[in-house]
Amino acid sequence: MRSAQRPLPLGIAAALLVAALLAFNVGGLRQRLFGPATPKIDSIAVLPLKNLSGDPEQDYFVEGMHEALITELSKIGALKVISRTSAMRYKDTDKSLPEIARELNVSGLIEGSVLREGDQVRISVQLIHGPTDEHLWAESYQRELRSVLALQGEVARAIAREIHIAVTPAEAARLAAARPVNPEAHELYLRGLYQWHKRTEEGLRRSIEFFQQAIETEPSFSLAWSGLAFAYGVLGDNGIVPPEQAYPPGTGRRSQGAGIG
């Protein structure tokens, strides 16, 4: 009985006291000891990526990487992702990040840059809490051009981990499903995509040429087939070419393909 009534050793008592203070976060103790908790982010905008090459001729490649990252993040159902069209309004803007976040109604912003050198590509990204302009995370990735599709999925998965967003097994599988790409075909596809986004007759016709060249280089390249179908579809919908030319066999009618939006 006497031993049962002995007071707890001082060390154990102190540990229990600290645990209680942490549990109730007395005086913001958790933040002082471990840093502030990561702000909740359930909506995000990928701002236009910077072209670090200094060569405007590489803009098509950088914009292609930007769109691909948006496409990959859009595969996560629990995450609201702002469209490329809305995000591109902020290319070379002088607006502050909190202002951009407020206008787009998002809690998270992605800034980044792309540098292509030979057969290597490096993408650097950073995650920012838009309302407070707080820097949360940054990372750089470098891969061969053959692995660029896998790289895009890898970056999207890393962002999802940092914002603690729920990713279903099916979504995780889609983000990880990327086989090596033919660098020449991918190059032609990105050039076609760049022309497609001009939304002019000349741009659409030039995009078709690039998509067709990409398919000739790599017949199984699905992104190029999707781009070709969309380019023909826009020409047909606007009455620029007749339906029998706009929707030839093998392209389908406005088929939904990744990377075009």
C-alpha atoms as a PDB file:
ATOM      1  CA  MET A   1       0.000   0.000   0.000  1.00  0.00           C
ATOM      2  CA  ARG A   2       2.799   2.405   0.868  1.00  0.00           C
ATOM      3  CA  SER A   3       4.573   1.722  -2.449  1.00  0.00           C
ATOM      4  CA  ALA A   4       1.325   2.295  -4.362  1.00  0.00           C
ATOM      5  CA  GLN A   5       0.995   5.752  -2.809  1.00  0.00           C
ATOM      6  CA  ARG A   6       4.514   6.897  -3.658  1.00  0.00           C
ATOM      7  CA  PRO A   7       4.618   9.961  -5.921  1.00  0.00           C
ATOM      8  CA  LEU A   8       5.645   9.456  -9.538  1.00  0.00           C
ATOM      9  CA  PRO A   9       9.343   9.935 -10.261  1.00  0.00           C
ATOM     10  CA  LEU A  10      10.110  13.510 -11.192  1.00  0.00           C
ATOM     11  CA  GLY A  11      11.119  12.610 -14.766  1.00  0.00           C
ATOM     12  CA  ILE A  12       7.863  10.792 -15.502  1.00  0.00           C
ATOM     13  CA  ALA A  13       5.801  13.570 -13.977  1.00  0.00           C
ATOM     14  CA  ALA A  14       7.595  16.164 -16.093  1.00  0.00           C
ATOM     15  CA  ALA A  15       7.063  14.088 -19.244  1.00  0.00           C
ATOM     16  CA  LEU A  16       3.353  13.774 -18.520  1.00  0.00           C
ATOM     17  CA  LEU A  17       3.112  17.527 -17.944  1.00  0.00           C
ATOM     18  CA  VAL A  18       4.835  18.305 -21.257  1.00  0.00           C
ATOM     19  CA  ALA A  19       2.581  15.814 -23.058  1.00  0.00           C
ATOM     20  CA  ALA A  20      -0.489  17.506 -21.622  1.00  0.00           C
ATOM     21  CA  LEU A  21       0.774  20.956 -22.628  1.00  0.00           C
ATOM     22  CA  LEU A  22       1.443  19.716 -26.157  1.00  0.00           C
ATOM     23  CA  ALA A  23      -1.918  17.978 -26.389  1.00  0.00           C
ATOM     24  CA  PHE A  24      -3.761  21.175 -25.515  1.00  0.00           C
ATOM     25  CA  ASN A  25      -1.216  23.374 -27.357  1.00  0.00           C
ATOM     26  CA  VAL A  26      -0.950  25.671 -24.356  1.00  0.00           C
ATOM     27  CA  GLY A  27       0.547  29.000 -25.336  1.00  0.00           C
ATOM     28  CA  GLY A  28       1.195  27.748 -28.880  1.00  0.00           C
ATOM     29  CA  LEU A  29       3.813  25.328 -27.541  1.00  0.00           C
ATOM     30  CA  ARG A  30       3.502  22.957 -30.506  1.00  0.00           C
ATOM     31  CA  GLN A  31       4.291  25.724 -32.974  1.00  0.00           C
ATOM     32  CA  ARG A  32       7.264  26.960 -30.927  1.00  0.00           C
ATOM     33  CA  LEU A  33       8.756  23.488 -30.595  1.00  0.00           C
ATOM     34  CA  PHE A  34       7.962  21.970 -33.976  1.00  0.00           C
ATOM     35  CA  GLY A  35       7.169  24.938 -36.174  1.00  0.00           C
ATOM     36  CA  PRO A  36       3.759  25.995 -37.502  1.00  0.00           C
ATOM     37  CA  ALA A  37       1.412  23.398 -38.919  1.00  0.00           C
ATOM     38  CA  THR A  38       1.193  23.246 -42.728  1.00  0.00           C
ATOM     39  CA  PRO A  39      -1.729  25.419 -43.864  1.00  0.00           C
ATOM     40  CA  LYS A  40      -4.587  23.503 -45.430  1.00  0.00           C
ATOM     41  CA  ILE A  41      -4.410  23.554 -49.217  1.00  0.00           C
ATOM     42  CA  ASP A  42      -7.249  22.043 -51.235  1.00  0.00           C
ATOM     43  CA  SER A  43      -7.090  24.311 -54.289  1.00  0.00           C
ATOM     44  CA  ILE A  44      -4.080  25.236 -56.355  1.00  0.00           C
ATOM     45  CA  ALA A  45      -2.898  27.215 -59.364  1.00  0.00           C
ATOM     46  CA  VAL A  46       0.261  26.406 -61.288  1.00  0.00           C
ATOM     47  CA  LEU A  47       1.647  29.754 -62.393  1.00  0.00           C
ATOM     48  CA  PRO A  48       3.460  29.958 -65.760  1.00  0.00           C
ATOM     49  CA  LEU A  49       6.900  28.402 -65.469  1.00  0.00           C
ATOM     50  CA  LYS A  50       9.980  30.479 -66.193  1.00  0.00           C
ATOM     51  CA  ASN A  51      12.235  29.691 -69.141  1.00  0.00           C
ATOM     52  CA  LEU A  52      15.739  29.656 -67.681  1.00  0.00           C
ATOM     53  CA  SER A  53      17.432  29.005 -71.014  1.00  0.00           C
ATOM     54  CA  GLY A  54      17.148  32.647 -72.018  1.00  0.00           C
ATOM     55  CA  ASP A  55      16.087  31.469 -75.477  1.00  0.00           C
ATOM     56  CA  PRO A  56      12.531  32.462 -76.501  1.00  0.00           C
ATOM     57  CA  GLU A  57      12.614  29.570 -78.980  1.00  0.00           C
ATOM     58  CA  GLN A  58      12.335  27.250 -75.972  1.00  0.00           C
ATOM     59  CA  ASP A  59       9.033  28.800 -74.810  1.00  0.00           C
ATOM     60  CA  TYR A  60       7.079  25.998 -76.494  1.00  0.00           C
ATOM     61  CA  PHE A  61       8.896  23.436 -74.333  1.00  0.00           C
ATOM     62  CA  VAL A  62       8.397  25.363 -71.077  1.00  0.00           C
ATOM     63  CA  GLU A  63       4.704  25.986 -71.777  1.00  0.00           C
ATOM     64  CA  GLY A  64       4.300  22.309 -72.577  1.00  0.00           C
ATOM     65  CA  MET A  65       5.774  21.380 -69.196  1.00  0.00           C
ATOM     66  CA  HIS A  66       3.453  23.893 -67.532  1.00  0.00           C
ATOM     67  CA  GLU A  67       0.364  22.404 -69.143  1.00  0.00           C
ATOM     68  CA  ALA A  68       1.489  18.852 -68.397  1.00  0.00           C
ATOM     69  CA  LEU A  69       1.904  19.645 -64.694  1.00  0.00           C
ATOM     70  CA  ILE A  70      -1.610  21.108 -64.594  1.00  0.00           C
ATOM     71  CA  THR A  71      -2.926  17.995 -66.335  1.00  0.00           C
ATOM     72  CA  GLU A  72      -1.191  15.679 -63.865  1.00  0.00           C
ATOM     73  CA  LEU A  73      -2.478  17.553 -60.809  1.00  0.00           C
ATOM     74  CA  SER A  74      -5.990  17.558 -62.294  1.00  0.00           C
ATOM     75  CA  LYS A  75      -5.991  13.771 -61.988  1.00  0.00           C
ATOM     76  CA  ILE A  76      -6.389  14.213 -58.203  1.00  0.00           C
ATOM     77  CA  GLY A  77     -10.109  14.433 -57.559  1.00  0.00           C
ATOM     78  CA  ALA A  78      -9.841  16.018 -54.105  1.00  0.00           C
ATOM     79  CA  LEU A  79      -7.773  18.917 -55.432  1.00  0.00           C
ATOM     80  CA  LYS A  80      -9.230  21.910 -57.251  1.00  0.00           C
ATOM     81  CA  VAL A  81      -6.808  22.906 -60.017  1.00  0.00           C
ATOM     82  CA  ILE A  82      -7.110  26.162 -61.940  1.00  0.00           C
ATOM     83  CA  SER A  83      -7.137  25.840 -65.731  1.00  0.00           C
ATOM     84  CA  ARG A  84      -4.188  26.701 -67.920  1.00  0.00           C
ATOM     85  CA  THR A  85      -6.149  29.542 -69.554  1.00  0.00           C
ATOM     86  CA  SER A  86      -6.727  31.266 -66.206  1.00  0.00           C
ATOM     87  CA  ALA A  87      -3.173  30.661 -64.992  1.00  0.00           C
ATOM     88  CA  MET A  88      -1.575  32.029 -68.178  1.00  0.00           C
ATOM     89  CA  ARG A  89      -3.080  35.458 -67.468  1.00  0.00           C
ATOM     90  CA  TYR A  90      -0.388  35.842 -64.829  1.00  0.00           C
ATOM     91  CA  LYS A  91       2.610  35.310 -67.092  1.00  0.00           C
ATOM     92  CA  ASP A  92       5.081  38.147 -66.438  1.00  0.00           C
ATOM     93  CA  THR A  93       2.630  39.780 -64.027  1.00  0.00           C
ATOM     94  CA  ASP A  94       3.720  42.199 -61.327  1.00  0.00           C
ATOM     95  CA  LYS A  95       0.851  41.241 -59.028  1.00  0.00           C
ATOM     96  CA  SER A  96       1.698  39.831 -55.595  1.00  0.00           C
ATOM     97  CA  LEU A  97       1.081  36.165 -54.848  1.00  0.00           C
ATOM     98  CA  PRO A  98      -1.626  36.896 -52.230  1.00  0.00           C
ATOM     99  CA  GLU A  99      -3.388  39.046 -54.826  1.00  0.00           C
ATOM    100  CA  ILE A 100      -3.215  36.271 -57.429  1.00  0.00           C
ATOM    101  CA  ALA A 101      -4.456  33.703 -54.913  1.00  0.00           C
ATOM    102  CA  ARG A 102      -7.368  35.954 -54.000  1.00  0.00           C
ATOM    103  CA  GLU A 103      -8.347  36.548 -57.637  1.00  0.00           C
ATOM    104  CA  LEU A 104      -8.179  32.842 -58.475  1.00  0.00           C
ATOM    105  CA  ASN A 105      -9.757  31.819 -55.149  1.00  0.00           C
ATOM    106  CA  VAL A 106      -7.061  29.265 -54.347  1.00  0.00           C
ATOM    107  CA  SER A 107      -5.112  28.471 -51.202  1.00  0.00           C
ATOM    108  CA  GLY A 108      -1.968  27.190 -52.904  1.00  0.00           C
ATOM    109  CA  LEU A 109       0.289  28.431 -55.687  1.00  0.00           C
ATOM    110  CA  ILE A 110       3.026  26.639 -57.587  1.00  0.00           C
ATOM    111  CA  GLU A 111       5.913  28.660 -58.996  1.00  0.00           C
ATOM    112  CA  GLY A 112       8.715  27.103 -60.965  1.00  0.00           C
ATOM    113  CA  SER A 113      11.214  27.116 -63.775  1.00  0.00           C
ATOM    114  CA  VAL A 114      12.403  24.815 -66.545  1.00  0.00           C
ATOM    115  CA  LEU A 115      15.868  24.458 -68.031  1.00  0.00           C
ATOM    116  CA  ARG A 116      16.530  22.202 -70.978  1.00  0.00           C
ATOM    117  CA  GLU A 117      20.119  21.409 -71.892  1.00  0.00           C
ATOM    118  CA  GLY A 118      20.779  18.793 -74.554  1.00  0.00           C
ATOM    119  CA  ASP A 119      18.961  15.596 -73.625  1.00  0.00           C
ATOM    120  CA  GLN A 120      18.469  16.732 -70.014  1.00  0.00           C
ATOM    121  CA  VAL A 121      15.602  18.701 -68.494  1.00  0.00           C
ATOM    122  CA  ARG A 122      15.501  20.233 -65.029  1.00  0.00           C
ATOM    123  CA  ILE A 123      12.338  21.507 -63.419  1.00  0.00           C
ATOM    124  CA  SER A 124      12.308  23.410 -60.133  1.00  0.00           C
ATOM    125  CA  VAL A 125       9.054  23.986 -58.272  1.00  0.00           C
ATOM    126  CA  GLN A 126       8.037  25.632 -55.034  1.00  0.00           C
ATOM    127  CA  LEU A 127       4.790  25.500 -53.119  1.00  0.00           C
ATOM    128  CA  ILE A 128       3.456  28.711 -51.583  1.00  0.00           C
ATOM    129  CA  HIS A 129       0.501  29.336 -49.303  1.00  0.00           C
ATOM    130  CA  GLY A 130      -1.206  31.987 -51.381  1.00  0.00           C
ATOM    131  CA  PRO A 131      -3.066  34.036 -48.751  1.00  0.00           C
ATOM    132  CA  THR A 132       0.035  34.501 -46.561  1.00  0.00           C
ATOM    133  CA  ASP A 133       2.816  34.278 -49.192  1.00  0.00           C
ATOM    134  CA  GLU A 134       4.437  31.632 -46.975  1.00  0.00           C
ATOM    135  CA  HIS A 135       6.989  29.387 -48.661  1.00  0.00           C
ATOM    136  CA  LEU A 136       6.142  25.772 -47.772  1.00  0.00           C
ATOM    137  CA  TRP A 137       8.313  23.519 -49.940  1.00  0.00           C
ATOM    138  CA  ALA A 138      10.719  23.505 -52.868  1.00  0.00           C
ATOM    139  CA  GLU A 139      12.448  20.829 -54.908  1.00  0.00           C
ATOM    140  CA  SER A 140      14.361  20.385 -58.170  1.00  0.00           C
ATOM    141  CA  TYR A 141      14.263  17.385 -60.487  1.00  0.00           C
ATOM    142  CA  GLN A 142      16.532  16.512 -63.384  1.00  0.00           C
ATOM    143  CA  ARG A 143      15.850  13.724 -65.869  1.00  0.00           C
ATOM    144  CA  GLU A 144      16.580  12.650 -69.422  1.00  0.00           C
ATOM    145  CA  LEU A 145      14.055  13.777 -72.016  1.00  0.00           C
ATOM    146  CA  ARG A 146      12.971  10.142 -72.482  1.00  0.00           C
ATOM    147  CA  SER A 147      11.690  10.214 -68.889  1.00  0.00           C
ATOM    148  CA  VAL A 148       9.909  13.562 -69.097  1.00  0.00           C
ATOM    149  CA  LEU A 149       6.395  12.073 -68.816  1.00  0.00           C
ATOM    150  CA  ALA A 150       7.340  10.146 -65.687  1.00  0.00           C
ATOM    151  CA  LEU A 151       8.956  13.302 -64.315  1.00  0.00           C
ATOM    152  CA  GLN A 152       5.699  15.230 -64.632  1.00  0.00           C
ATOM    153  CA  GLY A 153       3.830  12.580 -62.643  1.00  0.00           C
ATOM    154  CA  GLU A 154       6.591  12.486 -60.034  1.00  0.00           C
ATOM    155  CA  VAL A 155       6.355  16.242 -59.450  1.00  0.00           C
ATOM    156  CA  ALA A 156       2.558  16.038 -59.129  1.00  0.00           C
ATOM    157  CA  ARG A 157       2.843  13.227 -56.563  1.00  0.00           C
ATOM    158  CA  ALA A 158       5.379  15.218 -54.554  1.00  0.00           C
ATOM    159  CA  ILE A 159       3.071  18.238 -54.462  1.00  0.00           C
ATOM    160  CA  ALA A 160       0.166  16.047 -53.346  1.00  0.00           C
ATOM    161  CA  ARG A 161       2.287  14.659 -50.495  1.00  0.00           C
ATOM    162  CA  GLU A 162       3.300  18.128 -49.333  1.00  0.00           C
ATOM    163  CA  ILE A 163      -0.248  19.472 -49.182  1.00  0.00           C
ATOM    164  CA  HIS A 164      -1.518  16.230 -47.588  1.00  0.00           C
ATOM    165  CA  ILE A 165      -4.296  15.849 -50.133  1.00  0.00           C
ATOM    166  CA  ALA A 166      -6.054  12.499 -50.406  1.00  0.00           C
ATOM    167  CA  VAL A 167      -5.012  10.513 -53.471  1.00  0.00           C
ATOM    168  CA  THR A 168      -6.978   7.362 -54.268  1.00  0.00           C
ATOM    169  CA  PRO A 169      -5.153   4.192 -55.373  1.00  0.00           C
ATOM    170  CA  ALA A 170      -6.561   4.629 -58.884  1.00  0.00           C
ATOM    171  CA  GLU A 171      -5.325   8.238 -59.047  1.00  0.00           C
ATOM    172  CA  ALA A 172      -1.916   7.193 -57.742  1.00  0.00           C
ATOM    173  CA  ALA A 173      -1.720   4.557 -60.466  1.00  0.00           C
ATOM    174  CA  ARG A 174      -2.578   7.108 -63.162  1.00  0.00           C
ATOM    175  CA  LEU A 175       0.087   9.505 -61.863  1.00  0.00           C
ATOM    176  CA  ALA A 176       2.671   6.731 -61.920  1.00  0.00           C
ATOM    177  CA  ALA A 177       1.668   5.306 -65.327  1.00  0.00           C
ATOM    178  CA  ALA A 178       4.157   6.843 -67.731  1.00  0.00           C
ATOM    179  CA  ARG A 179       6.398   4.920 -70.067  1.00  0.00           C
ATOM    180  CA  PRO A 180       9.537   6.358 -71.689  1.00  0.00           C
ATOM    181  CA  VAL A 181       8.746   8.673 -74.575  1.00  0.00           C
ATOM    182  CA  ASN A 182      10.480   9.106 -77.912  1.00  0.00           C
ATOM    183  CA  PRO A 183      12.227  12.503 -77.446  1.00  0.00           C
ATOM    184  CA  GLU A 184      11.810  13.464 -81.102  1.00  0.00           C
ATOM    185  CA  ALA A 185       8.085  12.650 -81.106  1.00  0.00           C
ATOM    186  CA  HIS A 186       7.576  14.502 -77.828  1.00  0.00           C
ATOM    187  CA  GLU A 187       9.409  17.529 -79.211  1.00  0.00           C
ATOM    188  CA  LEU A 188       7.119  17.601 -82.254  1.00  0.00           C
ATOM    189  CA  TYR A 189       4.065  17.172 -80.038  1.00  0.00           C
ATOM    190  CA  LEU A 190       5.035  20.141 -77.847  1.00  0.00           C
ATOM    191  CA  ARG A 191       5.601  22.302 -80.912  1.00  0.00           C
ATOM    192  CA  GLY A 192       2.145  21.318 -82.137  1.00  0.00           C
ATOM    193  CA  LEU A 193       0.617  22.062 -78.748  1.00  0.00           C
ATOM    194  CA  TYR A 194       2.240  25.508 -78.719  1.00  0.00           C
ATOM    195  CA  GLN A 195       0.699  26.295 -82.123  1.00  0.00           C
ATOM    196  CA  TRP A 196      -2.673  24.824 -81.109  1.00  0.00           C
ATOM    197  CA  HIS A 197      -2.981  27.223 -78.204  1.00  0.00           C
ATOM    198  CA  LYS A 198      -2.768  30.206 -80.531  1.00  0.00           C
ATOM    199  CA  ARG A 199      -6.331  29.266 -81.606  1.00  0.00           C
ATOM    200  CA  THR A 200      -5.825  30.835 -85.034  1.00  0.00           C
ATOM    201  CA  GLU A 201      -6.402  29.096 -88.369  1.00  0.00           C
ATOM    202  CA  GLU A 202      -2.706  29.273 -89.171  1.00  0.00           C
ATOM    203  CA  GLY A 203      -1.757  27.999 -85.739  1.00  0.00           C
ATOM    204  CA  LEU A 204      -4.200  25.092 -85.958  1.00  0.00           C
ATOM    205  CA  ARG A 205      -2.986  24.070 -89.397  1.00  0.00           C
ATOM    206  CA  ARG A 206       0.628  24.200 -88.261  1.00  0.00           C
ATOM    207  CA  SER A 207      -0.250  22.182 -85.157  1.00  0.00           C
ATOM    208  CA  ILE A 208      -1.724  19.473 -87.381  1.00  0.00           C
ATOM    209  CA  GLU A 209       1.551  19.294 -89.289  1.00  0.00           C
ATOM    210  CA  PHE A 210       3.534  18.861 -86.061  1.00  0.00           C
ATOM    211  CA  PHE A 211       1.110  16.294 -84.612  1.00  0.00           C
ATOM    212  CA  GLN A 212       1.224  14.281 -87.823  1.00  0.00           C
ATOM    213  CA  GLN A 213       5.029  14.339 -87.808  1.00  0.00           C
ATOM    214  CA  ALA A 214       5.000  13.169 -84.178  1.00  0.00           C
ATOM    215  CA  ILE A 215       2.702  10.260 -85.123  1.00  0.00           C
ATOM    216  CA  GLU A 216       4.934   9.329 -88.060  1.00  0.00           C
ATOM    217  CA  THR A 217       7.868   9.271 -85.642  1.00  0.00           C
ATOM    218  CA  GLU A 218       6.029   7.313 -82.943  1.00  0.00           C
ATOM    219  CA  PRO A 219       2.723   5.827 -84.212  1.00  0.00           C
ATOM    220  CA  SER A 220       1.594   4.786 -80.709  1.00  0.00           C
ATOM    221  CA  PHE A 221       2.079   8.274 -79.186  1.00  0.00           C
ATOM    222  CA  SER A 222      -1.435   8.893 -77.813  1.00  0.00           C
ATOM    223  CA  LEU A 223      -0.879  12.557 -76.938  1.00  0.00           C
ATOM    224  CA  ALA A 224      -0.130  13.369 -80.572  1.00  0.00           C
ATOM    225  CA  TRP A 225      -3.285  11.543 -81.702  1.00  0.00           C
ATOM    226  CA  SER A 226      -5.329  13.535 -79.175  1.00  0.00           C
ATOM    227  CA  GLY A 227      -3.797  16.782 -80.370  1.00  0.00           C
ATOM    228  CA  LEU A 228      -4.559  15.908 -83.983  1.00  0.00           C
ATOM    229  CA  ALA A 229      -8.202  15.130 -83.163  1.00  0.00           C
ATOM    230  CA  PHE A 230      -8.659  18.394 -81.274  1.00  0.00           C
ATOM    231  CA  ALA A 231      -7.032  20.492 -83.983  1.00  0.00           C
ATOM    232  CA  TYR A 232      -9.268  18.996 -86.667  1.00  0.00           C
ATOM    233  CA  GLY A 233     -12.263  19.372 -84.363  1.00  0.00           C
ATOM    234  CA  VAL A 234     -11.718  23.095 -83.795  1.00  0.00           C
ATOM    235  CA  LEU A 235     -11.287  23.685 -87.528  1.00  0.00           C
ATOM    236  CA  GLY A 236     -14.516  21.773 -88.191  1.00  0.00           C
ATOM    237  CA  ASP A 237     -16.516  23.425 -85.412  1.00  0.00           C
ATOM    238  CA  ASN A 238     -15.591  26.847 -86.775  1.00  0.00           C
ATOM    239  CA  GLY A 239     -16.509  25.936 -90.339  1.00  0.00           C
ATOM    240  CA  ILE A 240     -12.957  26.392 -91.593  1.00  0.00           C
ATOM    241  CA  VAL A 241     -12.871  22.922 -93.140  1.00  0.00           C
ATOM    242  CA  PRO A 242     -15.775  20.627 -94.132  1.00  0.00           C
ATOM    243  CA  PRO A 243     -16.836  17.856 -91.722  1.00  0.00           C
ATOM    244  CA  GLU A 244     -15.449  15.047 -93.865  1.00  0.00           C
ATOM    245  CA  GLN A 245     -12.027  16.696 -93.635  1.00  0.00           C
ATOM    246  CA  ALA A 246     -12.355  17.848 -90.013  1.00  0.00           C
ATOM    247  CA  TYR A 247     -13.226  14.393 -88.692  1.00  0.00           C
ATOM    248  CA  PRO A 248     -11.251  11.950 -90.824  1.00  0.00           C
ATOM    249  CA  PRO A 249     -11.121   8.260 -89.891  1.00  0.00           C
ATOM    250  CA  GLY A 250      -8.796   7.651 -86.974  1.00  0.00           C
ATOM    251  CA  THR A 251      -9.181  11.029 -85.275  1.00  0.00           C
ATOM    252  CA  GLY A 252     -12.720  10.830 -83.874  1.00  0.00           C
ATOM    253  CA  ARG A 253     -14.925  13.803 -83.085  1.00  0.00           C
ATOM    254  CA  ARG A 254     -13.504  16.029 -80.357  1.00  0.00           C
ATOM    255  CA  SER A 255     -12.084  13.035 -78.500  1.00  0.00           C
ATOM    256  CA  GLN A 256     -10.935  13.863 -75.001  1.00  0.00           C
ATOM    257  CA  GLY A 257      -7.156  13.597 -74.693  1.00  0.00           C
ATOM    258  CA  ALA A 258      -4.678  14.526 -71.982  1.00  0.00           C
ATOM    259  CA  GLY A 259      -2.566  17.577 -72.539  1.00  0.00           C
ATOM    260  CA  ILE A 260      -5.084  19.565 -74.577  1.00  0.00           C
ATOM    261  CA  GLY A 261      -7.257  22.104 -72.808  1.00  0.00           C
END
